[in-house]
C-alpha atoms as a PDB file:
ATOM      1  CA  UNK A   1     113.997  92.215  91.828  1.00  0.00           C
ATOM      2  CA  UNK A   2     111.574  92.673  88.926  1.00  0.00           C
ATOM      3  CA  UNK A   3     108.644  94.399  90.603  1.00  0.00           C
ATOM      4  CA  UNK A   4     106.878  95.229  87.331  1.00  0.00           C
ATOM      5  CA  UNK A   5     105.327  91.759  87.155  1.00  0.00           C
ATOM      6  CA  UNK A   6     103.535  92.208  90.481  1.00  0.00           C
ATOM      7  CA  UNK A   7     100.037  93.578  90.893  1.00  0.00           C
ATOM      8  CA  UNK A   8      99.471  96.817  92.760  1.00  0.00           C
ATOM      9  CA  UNK A   9      97.900  94.851  95.594  1.00  0.00           C
ATOM     10  CA  UNK A  10     100.920  92.544  95.801  1.00  0.00           C
ATOM     11  CA  UNK A  11     103.283  95.520  95.903  1.00  0.00           C
ATOM     12  CA  UNK A  12     101.248  97.175  98.647  1.00  0.00           C
ATOM     13  CA  UNK A  13     101.242  93.933 100.631  1.00  0.00           C
ATOM     14  CA  UNK A  14     105.020  93.652 100.230  1.00  0.00           C
ATOM     15  CA  UNK A  15     105.464  97.211 101.520  1.00  0.00           C
ATOM     16  CA  UNK A  16     103.235  96.474 104.488  1.00  0.00           C
ATOM     17  CA  UNK A  17     105.128  93.281 105.237  1.00  0.00           C
ATOM     18  CA  UNK A  18     108.450  95.141 105.085  1.00  0.00           C
ATOM     19  CA  UNK A  19     107.145  97.817 107.450  1.00  0.00           C
ATOM     20  CA  UNK A  20     106.112  95.142 109.944  1.00  0.00           C
ATOM     21  CA  UNK A  21     109.532  93.528 109.728  1.00  0.00           C
ATOM     22  CA  UNK A  22     111.261  96.856 110.354  1.00  0.00           C
ATOM     23  CA  UNK A  23     108.929  97.560 113.265  1.00  0.00           C
ATOM     24  CA  UNK A  24     109.679  94.181 114.827  1.00  0.00           C
ATOM     25  CA  UNK A  25     113.419  94.710 114.411  1.00  0.00           C
ATOM     26  CA  UNK A  26     113.191  98.229 115.868  1.00  0.00           C
ATOM     27  CA  UNK A  27     111.316  96.883 118.902  1.00  0.00           C
ATOM     28  CA  UNK A  28     113.959  94.205 119.420  1.00  0.00           C
ATOM     29  CA  UNK A  29     116.723  96.798 119.063  1.00  0.00           C
ATOM     30  CA  UNK A  30     115.085  98.889 121.794  1.00  0.00           C
ATOM     31  CA  UNK A  31     114.996  95.894 124.139  1.00  0.00           C
ATOM     32  CA  UNK A  32     118.685  95.221 123.472  1.00  0.00           C
ATOM     33  CA  UNK A  33     119.576  98.895 123.997  1.00  0.00           C
ATOM     34  CA  UNK A  34     117.740  98.880 127.335  1.00  0.00           C
ATOM     35  CA  UNK A  35     119.904  95.973 128.511  1.00  0.00           C
ATOM     36  CA  UNK A  36     123.078  97.626 127.218  1.00  0.00           C
ATOM     37  CA  UNK A  37     122.064 100.830 128.987  1.00  0.00           C
ATOM     38  CA  UNK A  38     121.591  98.978 132.281  1.00  0.00           C
ATOM     39  CA  UNK A  39     125.036  97.451 131.816  1.00  0.00           C
ATOM     40  CA  UNK A  40     126.467 100.939 131.162  1.00  0.00           C
ATOM     41  CA  UNK A  41     128.187  99.742 127.995  1.00  0.00           C
ATOM     42  CA  UNK A  42     128.398 103.245 126.553  1.00  0.00           C
ATOM     43  CA  UNK A  43     130.357 104.722 129.426  1.00  0.00           C
ATOM     44  CA  UNK A  44     132.557 101.636 129.687  1.00  0.00           C
ATOM     45  CA  UNK A  45     133.469 102.152 126.026  1.00  0.00           C
ATOM     46  CA  UNK A  46     134.216 105.830 126.628  1.00  0.00           C
ATOM     47  CA  UNK A  47     131.110 107.350 125.071  1.00  0.00           C
ATOM     48  CA  UNK A  48     129.410 110.130 127.031  1.00  0.00           C
ATOM     49  CA  UNK A  49     125.986 108.488 126.771  1.00  0.00           C
ATOM     50  CA  UNK A  50     124.068 105.636 125.146  1.00  0.00           C
ATOM     51  CA  UNK A  51     122.727 107.842 122.337  1.00  0.00           C
ATOM     52  CA  UNK A  52     126.198 108.788 121.147  1.00  0.00           C
ATOM     53  CA  UNK A  53     127.425 105.208 121.578  1.00  0.00           C
ATOM     54  CA  UNK A  54     124.506 103.878 119.503  1.00  0.00           C
ATOM     55  CA  UNK A  55     125.024 106.523 116.813  1.00  0.00           C
ATOM     56  CA  UNK A  56     128.727 105.692 116.543  1.00  0.00           C
ATOM     57  CA  UNK A  57     127.948 101.985 116.475  1.00  0.00           C
ATOM     58  CA  UNK A  58     125.349 102.477 113.738  1.00  0.00           C
ATOM     59  CA  UNK A  59     127.754 104.569 111.632  1.00  0.00           C
ATOM     60  CA  UNK A  60     130.689 102.158 111.854  1.00  0.00           C
ATOM     61  CA  UNK A  61     128.832  98.859 112.106  1.00  0.00           C
ATOM     62  CA  UNK A  62     130.943  97.961 115.144  1.00  0.00           C
ATOM     63  CA  UNK A  63     131.760  99.190 118.622  1.00  0.00           C
ATOM     64  CA  UNK A  64     132.932 102.808 118.577  1.00  0.00           C
ATOM     65  CA  UNK A  65     136.648 103.417 118.846  1.00  0.00           C
ATOM     66  CA  UNK A  66     137.378 105.694 121.771  1.00  0.00           C
ATOM     67  CA  UNK A  67     140.439 106.978 123.524  1.00  0.00           C
ATOM     68  CA  UNK A  68     139.476 105.209 126.738  1.00  0.00           C
ATOM     69  CA  UNK A  69     141.586 102.323 128.015  1.00  0.00           C
ATOM     70  CA  UNK A  70     138.669  99.938 127.415  1.00  0.00           C
ATOM     71  CA  UNK A  71     136.137  98.236 129.601  1.00  0.00           C
ATOM     72  CA  UNK A  72     136.968  96.788 132.993  1.00  0.00           C
ATOM     73  CA  UNK A  73     136.909  93.328 131.428  1.00  0.00           C
ATOM     74  CA  UNK A  74     139.392  94.500 128.802  1.00  0.00           C
ATOM     75  CA  UNK A  75     141.632  95.998 131.487  1.00  0.00           C
ATOM     76  CA  UNK A  76     141.521  92.804 133.540  1.00  0.00           C
ATOM     77  CA  UNK A  77     142.457  90.747 130.476  1.00  0.00           C
ATOM     78  CA  UNK A  78     145.387  93.064 129.759  1.00  0.00           C
ATOM     79  CA  UNK A  79     146.738  92.827 133.305  1.00  0.00           C
ATOM     80  CA  UNK A  80     146.566  89.039 133.529  1.00  0.00           C
END
């Protein structure tokens, strides 16, 4: 985007707006992680804890690949 045509005030306002957006998204992410933690998603996926699960998820953009046989739901699907 061509930011040179914007005033200093407009650029500062854009930065502030972006910071608010990131803050809102971070707050929502924390709420989601709290629910995932209560559901013990990390251990079901074979990660030792939620922090490592979240880090692996953030790095890959998807659920971490582990050597575990999968979640209980996955195991039930496989046995049906």
